[in-house]
Amino acid sequence: MKKTLLFVIAFISIAPKIFSQTDTAKAPYEKVPVFPPVRLVLPDKSAFYKKDLPSKKPVMLMVFNPQCEHCQHETDEMLKHMDWFKNTTIVMATSMPYDSMMNFRERYNLATHSNIILGQDDQYFLYSFYAIRNLPFIAFYDKKGKLISVSRGTMPIDKVAAELKKQGN
């Protein structure tokens, strides 16, 4: 009886530690809050890496689906206010097929904006890195590449502007 009682007491005292979520429950971006080591396929089929980002410029990363209405709306709003983004590098990444990305590029005339980097995440890296469940997904990084904040789903353009101001724009 004493052994059983001691076992129950010991189990109760360590059970919270055994069954609680630990640091492993965090998404990778929370553990490593810097711009991710992603590889994107660019429109010219070359590869884009983190090292290719312009230095000393804040970055807005937008993960999107070209067929997503919320992503289309976010892109429309962003393009209407491109003067707000003049000092920001915008990385737009999709895991959808290359042709779909290219149609989106043409539809929104994205090639005319020198600060927009459009690419295909053909390895689905960003979805797991950010534990993405809703699109568009937006992550803001400062001039040193450190994460400032993330937004899941449509973000009103005035809130995007507020995040850009945090970056010093």
N, C-alpha and C. Protein backbone atom coordinates (compact mmCIF):
# COMPACT_ATOMS: atom_id res chain seq x y z
N MET A 1 0.83 -1.19 0.00
CA MET A 1 0.00 0.00 0.00
C MET A 1 0.87 1.25 0.00
N LYS A 2 1.95 1.24 0.82
CA LYS A 2 2.83 2.41 0.88
C LYS A 2 3.51 2.62 -0.47
N LYS A 3 3.91 1.51 -1.11
CA LYS A 3 4.57 1.63 -2.41
C LYS A 3 3.61 2.22 -3.44
N THR A 4 2.38 1.81 -3.41
CA THR A 4 1.39 2.33 -4.35
C THR A 4 1.15 3.81 -4.10
N LEU A 5 1.03 4.19 -2.83
CA LEU A 5 0.81 5.58 -2.47
C LEU A 5 2.01 6.43 -2.90
N LEU A 6 3.22 5.95 -2.67
CA LEU A 6 4.42 6.68 -3.09
C LEU A 6 4.48 6.81 -4.61
N PHE A 7 4.10 5.75 -5.31
CA PHE A 7 4.09 5.80 -6.78
C PHE A 7 3.10 6.85 -7.28
N VAL A 8 1.91 6.88 -6.70
CA VAL A 8 0.89 7.85 -7.10
C VAL A 8 1.36 9.27 -6.83
N ILE A 9 1.94 9.51 -5.68
CA ILE A 9 2.44 10.85 -5.33
C ILE A 9 3.57 11.25 -6.28
N ALA A 10 4.48 10.32 -6.54
CA ALA A 10 5.58 10.62 -7.46
C ALA A 10 5.05 10.90 -8.86
N PHE A 11 4.09 10.12 -9.31
CA PHE A 11 3.53 10.32 -10.64
C PHE A 11 2.83 11.66 -10.74
N ILE A 12 2.06 12.00 -9.73
CA ILE A 12 1.34 13.29 -9.73
C ILE A 12 2.33 14.45 -9.76
N SER A 13 3.44 14.32 -9.08
CA SER A 13 4.40 15.43 -9.03
C SER A 13 5.17 15.60 -10.34
N ILE A 14 5.38 14.52 -11.09
CA ILE A 14 6.14 14.66 -12.33
C ILE A 14 5.24 14.66 -13.58
N ALA A 15 3.99 14.32 -13.45
CA ALA A 15 3.08 14.27 -14.61
C ALA A 15 3.01 15.59 -15.37
N PRO A 16 2.90 16.73 -14.69
CA PRO A 16 2.85 17.99 -15.46
C PRO A 16 4.08 18.19 -16.34
N LYS A 17 5.23 17.77 -15.89
CA LYS A 17 6.46 17.91 -16.68
C LYS A 17 6.46 16.96 -17.86
N ILE A 18 5.92 15.79 -17.68
CA ILE A 18 5.89 14.79 -18.75
C ILE A 18 4.90 15.19 -19.84
N PHE A 19 3.72 15.64 -19.44
CA PHE A 19 2.65 15.88 -20.39
C PHE A 19 2.53 17.33 -20.85
N SER A 20 3.28 18.22 -20.29
CA SER A 20 3.18 19.62 -20.71
C SER A 20 3.94 19.83 -22.01
N GLN A 21 3.51 20.84 -22.76
CA GLN A 21 4.22 21.18 -23.99
C GLN A 21 5.49 21.91 -23.61
N THR A 22 6.53 21.58 -24.30
CA THR A 22 7.81 22.22 -24.03
C THR A 22 8.15 23.14 -25.17
N ASP A 23 9.38 23.58 -25.20
CA ASP A 23 9.87 24.49 -26.23
C ASP A 23 9.72 23.88 -27.62
N THR A 24 9.61 22.57 -27.72
CA THR A 24 9.49 21.93 -29.03
C THR A 24 8.16 22.25 -29.69
N ALA A 25 7.18 22.76 -28.94
CA ALA A 25 5.89 23.11 -29.51
C ALA A 25 5.95 24.41 -30.29
N LYS A 26 7.00 25.18 -30.13
CA LYS A 26 7.13 26.44 -30.83
C LYS A 26 7.49 26.20 -32.30
N ALA A 27 6.99 27.09 -33.14
CA ALA A 27 7.35 27.04 -34.56
C ALA A 27 8.82 27.46 -34.70
N PRO A 28 9.50 27.00 -35.72
CA PRO A 28 10.92 27.36 -35.89
C PRO A 28 11.19 28.86 -35.90
N TYR A 29 10.29 29.66 -36.48
CA TYR A 29 10.53 31.11 -36.51
C TYR A 29 10.54 31.72 -35.12
N GLU A 30 9.86 31.08 -34.18
CA GLU A 30 9.86 31.57 -32.80
C GLU A 30 11.16 31.23 -32.09
N LYS A 31 11.76 30.14 -32.48
CA LYS A 31 13.04 29.73 -31.88
C LYS A 31 14.21 30.48 -32.50
N VAL A 32 14.09 30.78 -33.78
CA VAL A 32 15.15 31.47 -34.52
C VAL A 32 14.50 32.68 -35.20
N PRO A 33 14.34 33.79 -34.48
CA PRO A 33 13.60 34.93 -35.02
C PRO A 33 14.41 35.84 -35.97
N VAL A 34 14.91 35.23 -37.03
CA VAL A 34 15.62 35.97 -38.08
C VAL A 34 15.05 35.50 -39.42
N PHE A 35 15.37 36.25 -40.48
CA PHE A 35 14.86 35.88 -41.80
C PHE A 35 15.29 34.44 -42.11
N PRO A 36 14.35 33.62 -42.59
CA PRO A 36 14.63 32.19 -42.76
C PRO A 36 15.59 31.88 -43.91
N PRO A 37 16.25 30.74 -43.83
CA PRO A 37 17.16 30.31 -44.88
C PRO A 37 16.41 29.63 -46.03
N VAL A 38 15.54 30.38 -46.66
CA VAL A 38 14.68 29.84 -47.71
C VAL A 38 15.38 29.92 -49.07
N ARG A 39 14.99 29.02 -49.95
CA ARG A 39 15.41 29.08 -51.36
C ARG A 39 14.14 29.25 -52.18
N LEU A 40 14.10 30.31 -52.98
CA LEU A 40 12.95 30.57 -53.85
C LEU A 40 13.37 30.48 -55.31
N VAL A 41 12.47 29.98 -56.14
CA VAL A 41 12.69 29.96 -57.58
C VAL A 41 12.10 31.26 -58.13
N LEU A 42 12.96 32.08 -58.71
CA LEU A 42 12.55 33.38 -59.24
C LEU A 42 11.92 33.23 -60.62
N PRO A 43 11.26 34.28 -61.12
CA PRO A 43 10.64 34.20 -62.45
C PRO A 43 11.59 33.78 -63.56
N ASP A 44 12.86 34.14 -63.46
CA ASP A 44 13.82 33.73 -64.49
C ASP A 44 14.38 32.33 -64.23
N LYS A 45 13.80 31.64 -63.25
CA LYS A 45 14.16 30.27 -62.84
C LYS A 45 15.50 30.18 -62.11
N SER A 46 16.10 31.32 -61.78
CA SER A 46 17.29 31.30 -60.94
C SER A 46 16.84 31.15 -59.48
N ALA A 47 17.79 30.95 -58.59
CA ALA A 47 17.45 30.75 -57.18
C ALA A 47 17.74 32.02 -56.39
N PHE A 48 16.90 32.25 -55.40
CA PHE A 48 17.06 33.37 -54.48
C PHE A 48 17.27 32.79 -53.09
N TYR A 49 18.26 33.32 -52.38
CA TYR A 49 18.57 32.88 -51.02
C TYR A 49 18.58 34.09 -50.09
N LYS A 50 18.56 33.83 -48.81
CA LYS A 50 18.62 34.88 -47.80
C LYS A 50 19.78 35.83 -48.05
N LYS A 51 20.92 35.31 -48.45
CA LYS A 51 22.12 36.13 -48.68
C LYS A 51 21.92 37.13 -49.82
N ASP A 52 20.88 36.93 -50.65
CA ASP A 52 20.61 37.82 -51.77
C ASP A 52 19.76 39.03 -51.39
N LEU A 53 19.29 39.07 -50.16
CA LEU A 53 18.52 40.23 -49.71
C LEU A 53 19.41 41.47 -49.68
N PRO A 54 18.87 42.61 -50.09
CA PRO A 54 19.64 43.84 -49.95
C PRO A 54 19.97 44.07 -48.47
N SER A 55 21.19 44.48 -48.20
CA SER A 55 21.58 44.69 -46.80
C SER A 55 21.04 46.02 -46.28
N LYS A 56 20.85 46.06 -45.00
CA LYS A 56 20.42 47.26 -44.27
C LYS A 56 19.09 47.83 -44.76
N LYS A 57 18.20 46.93 -45.18
CA LYS A 57 16.84 47.33 -45.55
C LYS A 57 15.87 46.43 -44.82
N PRO A 58 14.79 47.00 -44.29
CA PRO A 58 13.77 46.15 -43.68
C PRO A 58 13.10 45.28 -44.75
N VAL A 59 12.55 44.16 -44.29
CA VAL A 59 11.94 43.20 -45.21
C VAL A 59 10.52 42.87 -44.74
N MET A 60 9.62 42.82 -45.71
CA MET A 60 8.27 42.32 -45.47
C MET A 60 8.15 41.05 -46.31
N LEU A 61 7.97 39.93 -45.65
CA LEU A 61 7.79 38.65 -46.33
C LEU A 61 6.30 38.34 -46.35
N MET A 62 5.77 38.10 -47.55
CA MET A 62 4.36 37.75 -47.68
C MET A 62 4.27 36.39 -48.36
N VAL A 63 3.73 35.41 -47.63
CA VAL A 63 3.49 34.09 -48.20
C VAL A 63 2.03 34.10 -48.67
N PHE A 64 1.82 33.74 -49.94
CA PHE A 64 0.49 33.88 -50.52
C PHE A 64 0.18 32.72 -51.46
N ASN A 65 -1.09 32.67 -51.85
CA ASN A 65 -1.57 31.74 -52.86
C ASN A 65 -2.19 32.61 -53.95
N PRO A 66 -1.75 32.50 -55.20
CA PRO A 66 -2.29 33.35 -56.25
C PRO A 66 -3.81 33.28 -56.42
N GLN A 67 -4.44 32.15 -56.05
CA GLN A 67 -5.89 32.02 -56.19
C GLN A 67 -6.66 32.51 -54.96
N CYS A 68 -5.96 32.85 -53.90
CA CYS A 68 -6.59 33.27 -52.65
C CYS A 68 -7.10 34.72 -52.77
N GLU A 69 -8.40 34.90 -52.55
CA GLU A 69 -8.98 36.25 -52.65
C GLU A 69 -8.39 37.20 -51.62
N HIS A 70 -8.11 36.71 -50.42
CA HIS A 70 -7.52 37.56 -49.38
C HIS A 70 -6.12 38.00 -49.80
N CYS A 71 -5.38 37.10 -50.42
CA CYS A 71 -4.02 37.41 -50.90
C CYS A 71 -4.08 38.43 -52.03
N GLN A 72 -5.06 38.28 -52.91
CA GLN A 72 -5.25 39.23 -54.00
C GLN A 72 -5.59 40.62 -53.45
N HIS A 73 -6.49 40.64 -52.47
CA HIS A 73 -6.86 41.93 -51.86
C HIS A 73 -5.65 42.58 -51.18
N GLU A 74 -4.88 41.79 -50.45
CA GLU A 74 -3.70 42.32 -49.77
C GLU A 74 -2.71 42.90 -50.78
N THR A 75 -2.54 42.20 -51.90
CA THR A 75 -1.65 42.68 -52.95
C THR A 75 -2.17 43.97 -53.57
N ASP A 76 -3.48 44.04 -53.83
CA ASP A 76 -4.08 45.27 -54.36
C ASP A 76 -3.80 46.46 -53.45
N GLU A 77 -4.05 46.26 -52.16
CA GLU A 77 -3.85 47.34 -51.19
C GLU A 77 -2.37 47.75 -51.10
N MET A 78 -1.51 46.78 -51.12
CA MET A 78 -0.08 47.06 -51.07
C MET A 78 0.34 47.89 -52.28
N LEU A 79 -0.12 47.50 -53.45
CA LEU A 79 0.27 48.20 -54.67
C LEU A 79 -0.30 49.62 -54.72
N LYS A 80 -1.45 49.84 -54.12
CA LYS A 80 -2.03 51.18 -54.06
C LYS A 80 -1.20 52.11 -53.19
N HIS A 81 -0.43 51.54 -52.27
CA HIS A 81 0.35 52.32 -51.31
C HIS A 81 1.84 52.03 -51.42
N MET A 82 2.33 51.81 -52.63
CA MET A 82 3.73 51.44 -52.81
C MET A 82 4.70 52.51 -52.30
N ASP A 83 4.26 53.75 -52.23
CA ASP A 83 5.14 54.80 -51.69
C ASP A 83 5.49 54.51 -50.22
N TRP A 84 4.62 53.81 -49.51
CA TRP A 84 4.90 53.44 -48.12
C TRP A 84 6.01 52.39 -48.04
N PHE A 85 6.23 51.66 -49.11
CA PHE A 85 7.16 50.54 -49.13
C PHE A 85 8.48 50.88 -49.83
N LYS A 86 8.70 52.14 -50.15
CA LYS A 86 9.87 52.49 -50.97
C LYS A 86 11.20 52.11 -50.33
N ASN A 87 11.27 52.04 -49.01
CA ASN A 87 12.52 51.66 -48.32
C ASN A 87 12.48 50.23 -47.79
N THR A 88 11.51 49.45 -48.24
CA THR A 88 11.33 48.08 -47.75
C THR A 88 11.48 47.09 -48.90
N THR A 89 12.18 46.02 -48.64
CA THR A 89 12.23 44.92 -49.60
C THR A 89 11.03 44.03 -49.33
N ILE A 90 10.25 43.77 -50.35
CA ILE A 90 9.07 42.92 -50.22
C ILE A 90 9.39 41.58 -50.89
N VAL A 91 9.33 40.52 -50.11
CA VAL A 91 9.53 39.18 -50.65
C VAL A 91 8.16 38.51 -50.66
N MET A 92 7.69 38.18 -51.86
CA MET A 92 6.40 37.50 -52.01
C MET A 92 6.69 36.07 -52.43
N ALA A 93 6.27 35.12 -51.60
CA ALA A 93 6.58 33.71 -51.85
C ALA A 93 5.30 32.89 -51.89
N THR A 94 5.27 31.97 -52.84
CA THR A 94 4.14 31.05 -52.97
C THR A 94 4.68 29.64 -53.17
N SER A 95 3.91 28.67 -52.74
CA SER A 95 4.26 27.27 -52.98
C SER A 95 3.45 26.69 -54.13
N MET A 96 2.63 27.51 -54.73
CA MET A 96 1.80 27.07 -55.85
C MET A 96 2.68 26.87 -57.09
N PRO A 97 2.15 26.22 -58.12
CA PRO A 97 2.94 25.97 -59.33
C PRO A 97 3.51 27.25 -59.95
N TYR A 98 4.63 27.08 -60.60
CA TYR A 98 5.37 28.19 -61.21
C TYR A 98 4.47 29.01 -62.15
N ASP A 99 3.68 28.34 -63.00
CA ASP A 99 2.82 29.05 -63.94
C ASP A 99 1.80 29.93 -63.22
N SER A 100 1.28 29.46 -62.12
CA SER A 100 0.33 30.23 -61.33
C SER A 100 1.00 31.48 -60.77
N MET A 101 2.23 31.33 -60.29
CA MET A 101 2.99 32.48 -59.79
C MET A 101 3.22 33.49 -60.91
N MET A 102 3.56 33.01 -62.09
CA MET A 102 3.84 33.90 -63.21
C MET A 102 2.57 34.64 -63.67
N ASN A 103 1.43 33.97 -63.66
CA ASN A 103 0.17 34.64 -63.99
C ASN A 103 -0.14 35.75 -62.98
N PHE A 104 0.12 35.48 -61.71
CA PHE A 104 -0.08 36.47 -60.64
C PHE A 104 0.85 37.66 -60.87
N ARG A 105 2.09 37.37 -61.21
CA ARG A 105 3.08 38.43 -61.49
C ARG A 105 2.60 39.33 -62.61
N GLU A 106 2.09 38.72 -63.66
CA GLU A 106 1.62 39.50 -64.81
C GLU A 106 0.35 40.29 -64.46
N ARG A 107 -0.57 39.63 -63.78
CA ARG A 107 -1.85 40.28 -63.41
C ARG A 107 -1.62 41.56 -62.60
N TYR A 108 -0.66 41.51 -61.67
CA TYR A 108 -0.40 42.66 -60.79
C TYR A 108 0.79 43.49 -61.23
N ASN A 109 1.35 43.16 -62.39
CA ASN A 109 2.46 43.94 -62.95
C ASN A 109 3.61 44.08 -61.94
N LEU A 110 3.91 43.00 -61.24
CA LEU A 110 4.90 43.03 -60.15
C LEU A 110 6.33 43.25 -60.65
N ALA A 111 6.60 42.92 -61.90
CA ALA A 111 7.95 43.08 -62.43
C ALA A 111 8.39 44.54 -62.49
N THR A 112 7.43 45.46 -62.44
CA THR A 112 7.77 46.88 -62.53
C THR A 112 8.23 47.47 -61.19
N HIS A 113 8.15 46.69 -60.13
CA HIS A 113 8.52 47.18 -58.80
C HIS A 113 9.86 46.57 -58.40
N SER A 114 10.89 47.39 -58.38
CA SER A 114 12.25 46.89 -58.12
C SER A 114 12.44 46.38 -56.70
N ASN A 115 11.59 46.77 -55.78
CA ASN A 115 11.74 46.31 -54.40
C ASN A 115 10.93 45.06 -54.09
N ILE A 116 10.26 44.47 -55.10
CA ILE A 116 9.50 43.24 -54.90
C ILE A 116 10.28 42.07 -55.48
N ILE A 117 10.49 41.08 -54.63
CA ILE A 117 11.12 39.82 -55.04
C ILE A 117 10.03 38.76 -54.99
N LEU A 118 9.68 38.22 -56.16
CA LEU A 118 8.63 37.21 -56.25
C LEU A 118 9.28 35.86 -56.50
N GLY A 119 8.89 34.87 -55.71
CA GLY A 119 9.50 33.56 -55.90
C GLY A 119 8.61 32.42 -55.45
N GLN A 120 8.94 31.24 -55.99
CA GLN A 120 8.22 30.02 -55.65
C GLN A 120 9.00 29.24 -54.61
N ASP A 121 8.34 28.95 -53.51
CA ASP A 121 8.90 28.09 -52.46
C ASP A 121 8.54 26.65 -52.82
N ASP A 122 9.28 26.09 -53.77
CA ASP A 122 8.94 24.78 -54.30
C ASP A 122 9.24 23.64 -53.33
N GLN A 123 9.89 23.94 -52.22
CA GLN A 123 10.17 22.92 -51.21
C GLN A 123 9.23 23.03 -50.00
N TYR A 124 8.27 23.95 -50.06
CA TYR A 124 7.29 24.15 -48.99
C TYR A 124 7.95 24.45 -47.64
N PHE A 125 9.11 25.08 -47.69
CA PHE A 125 9.86 25.37 -46.47
C PHE A 125 9.14 26.36 -45.57
N LEU A 126 8.62 27.43 -46.15
CA LEU A 126 8.03 28.50 -45.34
C LEU A 126 6.79 28.05 -44.58
N TYR A 127 6.01 27.14 -45.15
CA TYR A 127 4.82 26.66 -44.45
C TYR A 127 5.19 25.98 -43.13
N SER A 128 6.23 25.20 -43.15
CA SER A 128 6.62 24.54 -41.90
C SER A 128 7.40 25.48 -40.99
N PHE A 129 8.23 26.34 -41.55
CA PHE A 129 9.02 27.26 -40.74
C PHE A 129 8.12 28.18 -39.91
N TYR A 130 7.04 28.67 -40.52
CA TYR A 130 6.12 29.59 -39.83
C TYR A 130 4.88 28.89 -39.29
N ALA A 131 4.73 27.61 -39.50
CA ALA A 131 3.52 26.88 -39.11
C ALA A 131 2.28 27.61 -39.65
N ILE A 132 2.30 27.86 -40.95
CA ILE A 132 1.25 28.65 -41.60
C ILE A 132 -0.04 27.85 -41.69
N ARG A 133 -1.12 28.49 -41.28
CA ARG A 133 -2.45 27.90 -41.36
C ARG A 133 -3.40 28.80 -42.17
N ASN A 134 -3.10 30.11 -42.22
CA ASN A 134 -3.93 31.09 -42.91
C ASN A 134 -3.09 31.92 -43.85
N LEU A 135 -3.69 32.30 -44.97
CA LEU A 135 -3.03 33.16 -45.93
C LEU A 135 -3.83 34.43 -46.14
N PRO A 136 -3.20 35.53 -46.48
CA PRO A 136 -1.76 35.67 -46.59
C PRO A 136 -1.10 35.65 -45.21
N PHE A 137 0.14 35.27 -45.21
CA PHE A 137 0.95 35.30 -43.99
C PHE A 137 2.02 36.36 -44.23
N ILE A 138 2.17 37.28 -43.28
CA ILE A 138 3.14 38.36 -43.44
C ILE A 138 4.07 38.38 -42.23
N ALA A 139 5.36 38.47 -42.51
CA ALA A 139 6.37 38.60 -41.45
C ALA A 139 7.18 39.86 -41.73
N PHE A 140 7.41 40.64 -40.69
CA PHE A 140 8.17 41.88 -40.80
C PHE A 140 9.52 41.71 -40.12
N TYR A 141 10.57 42.12 -40.82
CA TYR A 141 11.94 42.02 -40.31
C TYR A 141 12.59 43.40 -40.36
N ASP A 142 13.41 43.69 -39.35
CA ASP A 142 14.10 44.98 -39.33
C ASP A 142 15.32 44.96 -40.26
N LYS A 143 16.06 46.05 -40.25
CA LYS A 143 17.22 46.21 -41.14
C LYS A 143 18.32 45.20 -40.88
N LYS A 144 18.32 44.61 -39.70
CA LYS A 144 19.33 43.61 -39.35
C LYS A 144 18.83 42.19 -39.58
N GLY A 145 17.61 42.06 -40.09
CA GLY A 145 17.05 40.74 -40.36
C GLY A 145 16.38 40.09 -39.17
N LYS A 146 16.16 40.85 -38.10
CA LYS A 146 15.49 40.30 -36.92
C LYS A 146 13.97 40.44 -37.06
N LEU A 147 13.26 39.42 -36.63
CA LEU A 147 11.80 39.41 -36.71
C LEU A 147 11.21 40.49 -35.81
N ILE A 148 10.26 41.24 -36.37
CA ILE A 148 9.53 42.24 -35.59
C ILE A 148 8.16 41.69 -35.21
N SER A 149 7.43 41.19 -36.21
CA SER A 149 6.10 40.65 -35.95
C SER A 149 5.63 39.82 -37.13
N VAL A 150 4.54 39.07 -36.90
CA VAL A 150 3.90 38.29 -37.96
C VAL A 150 2.41 38.58 -37.95
N SER A 151 1.79 38.37 -39.10
CA SER A 151 0.35 38.52 -39.24
C SER A 151 -0.18 37.33 -40.01
N ARG A 152 -1.23 36.73 -39.50
CA ARG A 152 -1.85 35.57 -40.15
C ARG A 152 -3.20 36.01 -40.71
N GLY A 153 -3.35 35.92 -42.00
CA GLY A 153 -4.58 36.36 -42.64
C GLY A 153 -4.47 37.81 -43.09
N THR A 154 -5.55 38.31 -43.64
CA THR A 154 -5.55 39.67 -44.17
C THR A 154 -5.20 40.67 -43.09
N MET A 155 -4.31 41.60 -43.44
CA MET A 155 -3.89 42.65 -42.51
C MET A 155 -4.28 43.99 -43.12
N PRO A 156 -5.09 44.78 -42.43
CA PRO A 156 -5.46 46.08 -42.97
C PRO A 156 -4.20 46.91 -43.29
N ILE A 157 -4.26 47.65 -44.38
CA ILE A 157 -3.08 48.37 -44.86
C ILE A 157 -2.59 49.40 -43.85
N ASP A 158 -3.47 49.95 -43.02
CA ASP A 158 -3.01 50.90 -42.00
C ASP A 158 -2.16 50.19 -40.93
N LYS A 159 -2.46 48.92 -40.67
CA LYS A 159 -1.64 48.15 -39.73
C LYS A 159 -0.31 47.77 -40.36
N VAL A 160 -0.33 47.52 -41.66
CA VAL A 160 0.93 47.27 -42.37
C VAL A 160 1.81 48.51 -42.26
N ALA A 161 1.21 49.68 -42.46
CA ALA A 161 1.95 50.94 -42.34
C ALA A 161 2.53 51.11 -40.94
N ALA A 162 1.77 50.74 -39.91
CA ALA A 162 2.26 50.85 -38.54
C ALA A 162 3.46 49.93 -38.33
N GLU A 163 3.43 48.73 -38.89
CA GLU A 163 4.57 47.82 -38.78
C GLU A 163 5.78 48.36 -39.52
N LEU A 164 5.55 48.98 -40.66
CA LEU A 164 6.66 49.57 -41.41
C LEU A 164 7.32 50.70 -40.63
N LYS A 165 6.50 51.46 -39.90
CA LYS A 165 7.06 52.54 -39.06
C LYS A 165 7.93 51.98 -37.96
N LYS A 166 7.58 50.81 -37.43
CA LYS A 166 8.41 50.16 -36.40
C LYS A 166 9.78 49.82 -36.97
N GLN A 167 9.83 49.61 -38.29
CA GLN A 167 11.07 49.27 -38.94
C GLN A 167 11.89 50.51 -39.28
N GLY A 168 11.31 51.67 -39.07
CA GLY A 168 12.03 52.90 -39.36
C GLY A 168 11.73 53.47 -40.72
N ASN A 169 10.64 53.05 -41.34
CA ASN A 169 10.25 53.60 -42.65
C ASN A 169 9.36 54.81 -42.46
